[in-house]
Amino acid sequence: RSLIGYMLHSIKLAAKGRLVADLCFKPE
């Protein structure tokens, strides 16, 4: 029961996408 059933991993944001522009993050 201590094993998490999900996965934590990083993602790459589209440089000109909404996650960068509207959420104010950097492409890198």
PDB file of all heavy atoms in Angstrom:
ATOM      1  N   ARG A   1       0.811  -1.226   0.000  1.00  0.00           N
ATOM      2  CA  ARG A   1       0.000   0.000   0.000  1.00  0.00           C
ATOM      3  C   ARG A   1       0.844   1.276   0.000  1.00  0.00           C
ATOM      4  O   ARG A   1       0.317   2.353  -0.261  1.00  0.00           O
ATOM      5  CB  ARG A   1      -0.958  -0.005   1.196  1.00  0.00           C
ATOM      6  CG  ARG A   1      -1.973  -1.131   1.120  1.00  0.00           C
ATOM      7  CD  ARG A   1      -3.152  -0.938   2.059  1.00  0.00           C
ATOM      8  NE  ARG A   1      -4.082  -2.055   1.958  1.00  0.00           N
ATOM      9  CZ  ARG A   1      -5.003  -2.186   1.003  1.00  0.00           C
ATOM     10  NH1 ARG A   1      -5.088  -1.274   0.056  1.00  0.00           N
ATOM     11  NH2 ARG A   1      -5.824  -3.224   0.988  1.00  0.00           N
ATOM     12  N   SER A   2       2.121   1.156   0.283  1.00  0.00           N
ATOM     13  CA  SER A   2       2.961   2.356   0.257  1.00  0.00           C
ATOM     14  C   SER A   2       3.435   2.683  -1.162  1.00  0.00           C
ATOM     15  O   SER A   2       3.943   3.772  -1.416  1.00  0.00           O
ATOM     16  CB  SER A   2       4.167   2.195   1.182  1.00  0.00           C
ATOM     17  OG  SER A   2       4.989   1.133   0.742  1.00  0.00           O
ATOM     18  N   LEU A   3       3.281   1.735  -2.113  1.00  0.00           N
ATOM     19  CA  LEU A   3       3.658   1.990  -3.508  1.00  0.00           C
ATOM     20  C   LEU A   3       2.636   2.915  -4.151  1.00  0.00           C
ATOM     21  O   LEU A   3       1.434   2.619  -4.149  1.00  0.00           O
ATOM     22  CB  LEU A   3       3.707   0.683  -4.303  1.00  0.00           C
ATOM     23  CG  LEU A   3       5.016  -0.083  -4.345  1.00  0.00           C
ATOM     24  CD1 LEU A   3       4.806  -1.397  -5.098  1.00  0.00           C
ATOM     25  CD2 LEU A   3       6.120   0.723  -5.008  1.00  0.00           C
ATOM     26  N   ILE A   4       3.082   4.005  -4.717  1.00  0.00           N
ATOM     27  CA  ILE A   4       2.172   4.938  -5.369  1.00  0.00           C
ATOM     28  C   ILE A   4       1.726   4.332  -6.708  1.00  0.00           C
ATOM     29  O   ILE A   4       2.546   3.771  -7.444  1.00  0.00           O
ATOM     30  CB  ILE A   4       2.844   6.315  -5.545  1.00  0.00           C
ATOM     31  CG1 ILE A   4       1.812   7.395  -5.815  1.00  0.00           C
ATOM     32  CG2 ILE A   4       3.913   6.308  -6.621  1.00  0.00           C
ATOM     33  CD1 ILE A   4       2.367   8.808  -5.653  1.00  0.00           C
ATOM     34  N   GLY A   5       0.451   4.404  -6.998  1.00  0.00           N
ATOM     35  CA  GLY A   5      -0.053   3.804  -8.234  1.00  0.00           C
ATOM     36  C   GLY A   5       0.108   4.696  -9.441  1.00  0.00           C
ATOM     37  O   GLY A   5      -0.241   4.313 -10.556  1.00  0.00           O
ATOM     38  N   TYR A   6       0.625   5.883  -9.223  1.00  0.00           N
ATOM     39  CA  TYR A   6       0.761   6.873 -10.285  1.00  0.00           C
ATOM     40  C   TYR A   6       2.245   7.122 -10.546  1.00  0.00           C
ATOM     41  O   TYR A   6       3.094   6.529  -9.908  1.00  0.00           O
ATOM     42  CB  TYR A   6       0.046   8.168  -9.877  1.00  0.00           C
ATOM     43  CG  TYR A   6      -1.349   7.911  -9.381  1.00  0.00           C
ATOM     44  CD1 TYR A   6      -1.635   7.886  -8.014  1.00  0.00           C
ATOM     45  CD2 TYR A   6      -2.375   7.647 -10.280  1.00  0.00           C
ATOM     46  CE1 TYR A   6      -2.914   7.623  -7.559  1.00  0.00           C
ATOM     47  CE2 TYR A   6      -3.663   7.381  -9.827  1.00  0.00           C
ATOM     48  CZ  TYR A   6      -3.930   7.371  -8.471  1.00  0.00           C
ATOM     49  OH  TYR A   6      -5.186   7.101  -8.032  1.00  0.00           O
ATOM     50  N   MET A   7       2.531   8.008 -11.479  1.00  0.00           N
ATOM     51  CA  MET A   7       3.931   8.284 -11.803  1.00  0.00           C
ATOM     52  C   MET A   7       4.194   9.777 -11.770  1.00  0.00           C
ATOM     53  O   MET A   7       3.406  10.558 -12.285  1.00  0.00           O
ATOM     54  CB  MET A   7       4.259   7.731 -13.199  1.00  0.00           C
ATOM     55  CG  MET A   7       5.747   7.690 -13.474  1.00  0.00           C
ATOM     56  SD  MET A   7       6.606   6.677 -12.239  1.00  0.00           S
ATOM     57  CE  MET A   7       8.081   7.631 -11.994  1.00  0.00           C
ATOM     58  N   LEU A   8       5.294  10.157 -11.153  1.00  0.00           N
ATOM     59  CA  LEU A   8       5.767  11.530 -11.192  1.00  0.00           C
ATOM     60  C   LEU A   8       6.861  11.622 -12.247  1.00  0.00           C
ATOM     61  O   LEU A   8       7.861  10.922 -12.164  1.00  0.00           O
ATOM     62  CB  LEU A   8       6.322  11.936  -9.822  1.00  0.00           C
ATOM     63  CG  LEU A   8       5.260  12.220  -8.747  1.00  0.00           C
ATOM     64  CD1 LEU A   8       5.853  12.054  -7.362  1.00  0.00           C
ATOM     65  CD2 LEU A   8       4.708  13.629  -8.929  1.00  0.00           C
ATOM     66  N   HIS A   9       6.620  12.432 -13.257  1.00  0.00           N
ATOM     67  CA  HIS A   9       7.661  12.633 -14.283  1.00  0.00           C
ATOM     68  C   HIS A   9       7.527  14.037 -14.857  1.00  0.00           C
ATOM     69  O   HIS A   9       6.474  14.669 -14.759  1.00  0.00           O
ATOM     70  CB  HIS A   9       7.570  11.577 -15.390  1.00  0.00           C
ATOM     71  CG  HIS A   9       6.300  11.635 -16.196  1.00  0.00           C
ATOM     72  ND1 HIS A   9       6.188  12.376 -17.346  1.00  0.00           N
ATOM     73  CD2 HIS A   9       5.108  11.020 -16.013  1.00  0.00           C
ATOM     74  CE1 HIS A   9       4.966  12.233 -17.848  1.00  0.00           C
ATOM     75  NE2 HIS A   9       4.286  11.414 -17.058  1.00  0.00           N
ATOM     76  N   SER A  10       8.593  14.531 -15.445  1.00  0.00           N
ATOM     77  CA  SER A  10       8.575  15.886 -15.977  1.00  0.00           C
ATOM     78  C   SER A  10       8.133  15.895 -17.435  1.00  0.00           C
ATOM     79  O   SER A  10       8.187  14.884 -18.132  1.00  0.00           O
ATOM     80  CB  SER A  10       9.934  16.559 -15.801  1.00  0.00           C
ATOM     81  OG  SER A  10      10.963  15.723 -16.281  1.00  0.00           O
ATOM     82  N   ILE A  11       7.658  17.062 -17.868  1.00  0.00           N
ATOM     83  CA  ILE A  11       7.172  17.228 -19.238  1.00  0.00           C
ATOM     84  C   ILE A  11       7.842  18.433 -19.882  1.00  0.00           C
ATOM     85  O   ILE A  11       8.433  19.277 -19.201  1.00  0.00           O
ATOM     86  CB  ILE A  11       5.632  17.406 -19.273  1.00  0.00           C
ATOM     87  CG1 ILE A  11       5.204  18.644 -18.457  1.00  0.00           C
ATOM     88  CG2 ILE A  11       4.935  16.145 -18.751  1.00  0.00           C
ATOM     89  CD1 ILE A  11       3.721  18.981 -18.600  1.00  0.00           C
ATOM     90  N   LYS A  12       7.729  18.500 -21.204  1.00  0.00           N
ATOM     91  CA  LYS A  12       8.323  19.600 -21.973  1.00  0.00           C
ATOM     92  C   LYS A  12       7.193  20.469 -22.522  1.00  0.00           C
ATOM     93  O   LYS A  12       6.290  19.960 -23.194  1.00  0.00           O
ATOM     94  CB  LYS A  12       9.178  19.029 -23.110  1.00  0.00           C
ATOM     95  CG  LYS A  12       9.996  20.054 -23.865  1.00  0.00           C
ATOM     96  CD  LYS A  12      10.947  19.355 -24.824  1.00  0.00           C
ATOM     97  CE  LYS A  12      11.814  20.352 -25.588  1.00  0.00           C
ATOM     98  NZ  LYS A  12      12.580  21.227 -24.692  1.00  0.00           N
ATOM     99  N   LEU A  13       7.231  21.757 -22.232  1.00  0.00           N
ATOM    100  CA  LEU A  13       6.176  22.672 -22.652  1.00  0.00           C
ATOM    101  C   LEU A  13       6.448  23.209 -24.055  1.00  0.00           C
ATOM    102  O   LEU A  13       7.591  23.513 -24.401  1.00  0.00           O
ATOM    103  CB  LEU A  13       6.080  23.848 -21.670  1.00  0.00           C
ATOM    104  CG  LEU A  13       6.019  23.496 -20.175  1.00  0.00           C
ATOM    105  CD1 LEU A  13       5.947  24.765 -19.330  1.00  0.00           C
ATOM    106  CD2 LEU A  13       4.828  22.588 -19.886  1.00  0.00           C
ATOM    107  N   ALA A  14       5.391  23.343 -24.862  1.00  0.00           N
ATOM    108  CA  ALA A  14       5.527  23.932 -26.196  1.00  0.00           C
ATOM    109  C   ALA A  14       5.922  25.399 -26.038  1.00  0.00           C
ATOM    110  O   ALA A  14       5.285  26.151 -25.288  1.00  0.00           O
ATOM    111  CB  ALA A  14       4.212  23.811 -26.968  1.00  0.00           C
ATOM    112  N   ALA A  15       6.965  25.813 -26.745  1.00  0.00           N
ATOM    113  CA  ALA A  15       7.560  27.144 -26.538  1.00  0.00           C
ATOM    114  C   ALA A  15       6.549  28.271 -26.707  1.00  0.00           C
ATOM    115  O   ALA A  15       6.571  29.257 -25.967  1.00  0.00           O
ATOM    116  CB  ALA A  15       8.734  27.336 -27.484  1.00  0.00           C
ATOM    117  N   LYS A  16       5.643  28.124 -27.676  1.00  0.00           N
ATOM    118  CA  LYS A  16       4.673  29.197 -27.931  1.00  0.00           C
ATOM    119  C   LYS A  16       3.270  28.799 -27.483  1.00  0.00           C
ATOM    120  O   LYS A  16       2.278  29.374 -27.932  1.00  0.00           O
ATOM    121  CB  LYS A  16       4.679  29.562 -29.408  1.00  0.00           C
ATOM    122  CG  LYS A  16       6.006  30.157 -29.867  1.00  0.00           C
ATOM    123  CD  LYS A  16       5.974  30.574 -31.312  1.00  0.00           C
ATOM    124  CE  LYS A  16       7.304  31.202 -31.734  1.00  0.00           C
ATOM    125  NZ  LYS A  16       7.335  31.562 -33.164  1.00  0.00           N
ATOM    126  N   GLY A  17       3.196  27.821 -26.580  1.00  0.00           N
ATOM    127  CA  GLY A  17       1.897  27.316 -26.151  1.00  0.00           C
ATOM    128  C   GLY A  17       1.320  28.076 -24.971  1.00  0.00           C
ATOM    129  O   GLY A  17       1.957  28.935 -24.360  1.00  0.00           O
ATOM    130  N   ARG A  18       0.091  27.742 -24.644  1.00  0.00           N
ATOM    131  CA  ARG A  18      -0.651  28.422 -23.599  1.00  0.00           C
ATOM    132  C   ARG A  18      -0.060  28.185 -22.211  1.00  0.00           C
ATOM    133  O   ARG A  18      -0.155  29.036 -21.342  1.00  0.00           O
ATOM    134  CB  ARG A  18      -2.092  27.912 -23.632  1.00  0.00           C
ATOM    135  CG  ARG A  18      -3.069  28.834 -23.050  1.00  0.00           C
ATOM    136  CD  ARG A  18      -4.151  29.310 -23.991  1.00  0.00           C
ATOM    137  NE  ARG A  18      -3.899  29.287 -25.383  1.00  0.00           N
ATOM    138  CZ  ARG A  18      -4.734  28.751 -26.277  1.00  0.00           C
ATOM    139  NH1 ARG A  18      -5.810  28.142 -25.889  1.00  0.00           N
ATOM    140  NH2 ARG A  18      -4.474  28.830 -27.557  1.00  0.00           N
ATOM    141  N   LEU A  19       0.548  27.001 -21.994  1.00  0.00           N
ATOM    142  CA  LEU A  19       1.123  26.708 -20.672  1.00  0.00           C
ATOM    143  C   LEU A  19       2.312  27.613 -20.386  1.00  0.00           C
ATOM    144  O   LEU A  19       2.641  27.872 -19.236  1.00  0.00           O
ATOM    145  CB  LEU A  19       1.536  25.240 -20.593  1.00  0.00           C
ATOM    146  CG  LEU A  19       0.382  24.231 -20.697  1.00  0.00           C
ATOM    147  CD1 LEU A  19       0.924  22.810 -20.819  1.00  0.00           C
ATOM    148  CD2 LEU A  19      -0.559  24.344 -19.512  1.00  0.00           C
ATOM    149  N   VAL A  20       2.943  28.104 -21.429  1.00  0.00           N
ATOM    150  CA  VAL A  20       4.027  29.081 -21.275  1.00  0.00           C
ATOM    151  C   VAL A  20       3.454  30.494 -21.218  1.00  0.00           C
ATOM    152  O   VAL A  20       3.705  31.255 -20.276  1.00  0.00           O
ATOM    153  CB  VAL A  20       5.054  28.954 -22.430  1.00  0.00           C
ATOM    154  CG1 VAL A  20       6.019  30.136 -22.425  1.00  0.00           C
ATOM    155  CG2 VAL A  20       5.822  27.640 -22.304  1.00  0.00           C
ATOM    156  N   ALA A  21       2.625  30.843 -22.209  1.00  0.00           N
ATOM    157  CA  ALA A  21       2.151  32.225 -22.332  1.00  0.00           C
ATOM    158  C   ALA A  21       1.162  32.615 -21.238  1.00  0.00           C
ATOM    159  O   ALA A  21       1.331  33.643 -20.568  1.00  0.00           O
ATOM    160  CB  ALA A  21       1.508  32.418 -23.707  1.00  0.00           C
ATOM    161  N   ASP A  22       0.125  31.806 -21.027  1.00  0.00           N
ATOM    162  CA  ASP A  22      -0.944  32.195 -20.096  1.00  0.00           C
ATOM    163  C   ASP A  22      -0.615  31.848 -18.649  1.00  0.00           C
ATOM    164  O   ASP A  22      -1.078  32.513 -17.726  1.00  0.00           O
ATOM    165  CB  ASP A  22      -2.267  31.527 -20.490  1.00  0.00           C
ATOM    166  CG  ASP A  22      -2.839  32.099 -21.779  1.00  0.00           C
ATOM    167  OD1 ASP A  22      -2.121  32.874 -22.442  1.00  0.00           O
ATOM    168  OD2 ASP A  22      -3.983  31.769 -22.132  1.00  0.00           O
ATOM    169  N   LEU A  23       0.169  30.785 -18.436  1.00  0.00           N
ATOM    170  CA  LEU A  23       0.513  30.403 -17.067  1.00  0.00           C
ATOM    171  C   LEU A  23       1.848  30.994 -16.618  1.00  0.00           C
ATOM    172  O   LEU A  23       2.271  30.805 -15.475  1.00  0.00           O
ATOM    173  CB  LEU A  23       0.551  28.870 -16.926  1.00  0.00           C
ATOM    174  CG  LEU A  23      -0.789  28.206 -16.591  1.00  0.00           C
ATOM    175  CD1 LEU A  23      -1.790  28.374 -17.722  1.00  0.00           C
ATOM    176  CD2 LEU A  23      -0.603  26.733 -16.293  1.00  0.00           C
ATOM    177  N   CYS A  24       2.504  31.715 -17.553  1.00  0.00           N
ATOM    178  CA  CYS A  24       3.724  32.469 -17.228  1.00  0.00           C
ATOM    179  C   CYS A  24       4.887  31.567 -16.811  1.00  0.00           C
ATOM    180  O   CYS A  24       5.573  31.831 -15.809  1.00  0.00           O
ATOM    181  CB  CYS A  24       3.452  33.524 -16.158  1.00  0.00           C
ATOM    182  SG  CYS A  24       2.178  34.705 -16.639  1.00  0.00           S
ATOM    183  N   PHE A  25       5.100  30.484 -17.564  1.00  0.00           N
ATOM    184  CA  PHE A  25       6.292  29.664 -17.360  1.00  0.00           C
ATOM    185  C   PHE A  25       7.241  29.850 -18.543  1.00  0.00           C
ATOM    186  O   PHE A  25       6.894  30.480 -19.534  1.00  0.00           O
ATOM    187  CB  PHE A  25       5.902  28.190 -17.163  1.00  0.00           C
ATOM    188  CG  PHE A  25       5.244  27.949 -15.842  1.00  0.00           C
ATOM    189  CD1 PHE A  25       3.866  27.962 -15.729  1.00  0.00           C
ATOM    190  CD2 PHE A  25       6.005  27.749 -14.696  1.00  0.00           C
ATOM    191  CE1 PHE A  25       3.243  27.786 -14.497  1.00  0.00           C
ATOM    192  CE2 PHE A  25       5.402  27.572 -13.460  1.00  0.00           C
ATOM    193  CZ  PHE A  25       4.020  27.592 -13.361  1.00  0.00           C
ATOM    194  N   LYS A  26       8.441  29.325 -18.404  1.00  0.00           N
ATOM    195  CA  LYS A  26       9.440  29.474 -19.447  1.00  0.00           C
ATOM    196  C   LYS A  26       9.494  28.200 -20.300  1.00  0.00           C
ATOM    197  O   LYS A  26       9.260  27.103 -19.773  1.00  0.00           O
ATOM    198  CB  LYS A  26      10.819  29.749 -18.832  1.00  0.00           C
ATOM    199  CG  LYS A  26      10.869  31.025 -17.999  1.00  0.00           C
ATOM    200  CD  LYS A  26      12.292  31.423 -17.654  1.00  0.00           C
ATOM    201  CE  LYS A  26      12.930  30.504 -16.613  1.00  0.00           C
ATOM    202  NZ  LYS A  26      12.358  30.656 -15.278  1.00  0.00           N
ATOM    203  N   PRO A  27       9.837  28.307 -21.584  1.00  0.00           N
ATOM    204  CA  PRO A  27       9.896  27.109 -22.434  1.00  0.00           C
ATOM    205  C   PRO A  27      10.876  26.060 -21.915  1.00  0.00           C
ATOM    206  O   PRO A  27      10.678  24.866 -22.130  1.00  0.00           O
ATOM    207  CB  PRO A  27      10.350  27.656 -23.792  1.00  0.00           C
ATOM    208  CG  PRO A  27       9.982  29.100 -23.782  1.00  0.00           C
ATOM    209  CD  PRO A  27      10.091  29.539 -22.349  1.00  0.00           C
ATOM    210  N   GLU A  28      11.905  26.501 -21.192  1.00  0.00           N
ATOM    211  CA  GLU A  28      12.893  25.537 -20.689  1.00  0.00           C
ATOM    212  C   GLU A  28      12.460  24.886 -19.366  1.00  0.00           C
ATOM    213  O   GLU A  28      13.120  23.962 -18.882  1.00  0.00           O
ATOM    214  CB  GLU A  28      14.273  26.199 -20.540  1.00  0.00           C
ATOM    215  CG  GLU A  28      14.314  27.393 -19.612  1.00  0.00           C
ATOM    216  CD  GLU A  28      14.070  28.723 -20.330  1.00  0.00           C
ATOM    217  OE1 GLU A  28      13.418  28.730 -21.406  1.00  0.00           O
ATOM    218  OE2 GLU A  28      14.533  29.756 -19.815  1.00  0.00           O
TER     219      GLU A  28
END
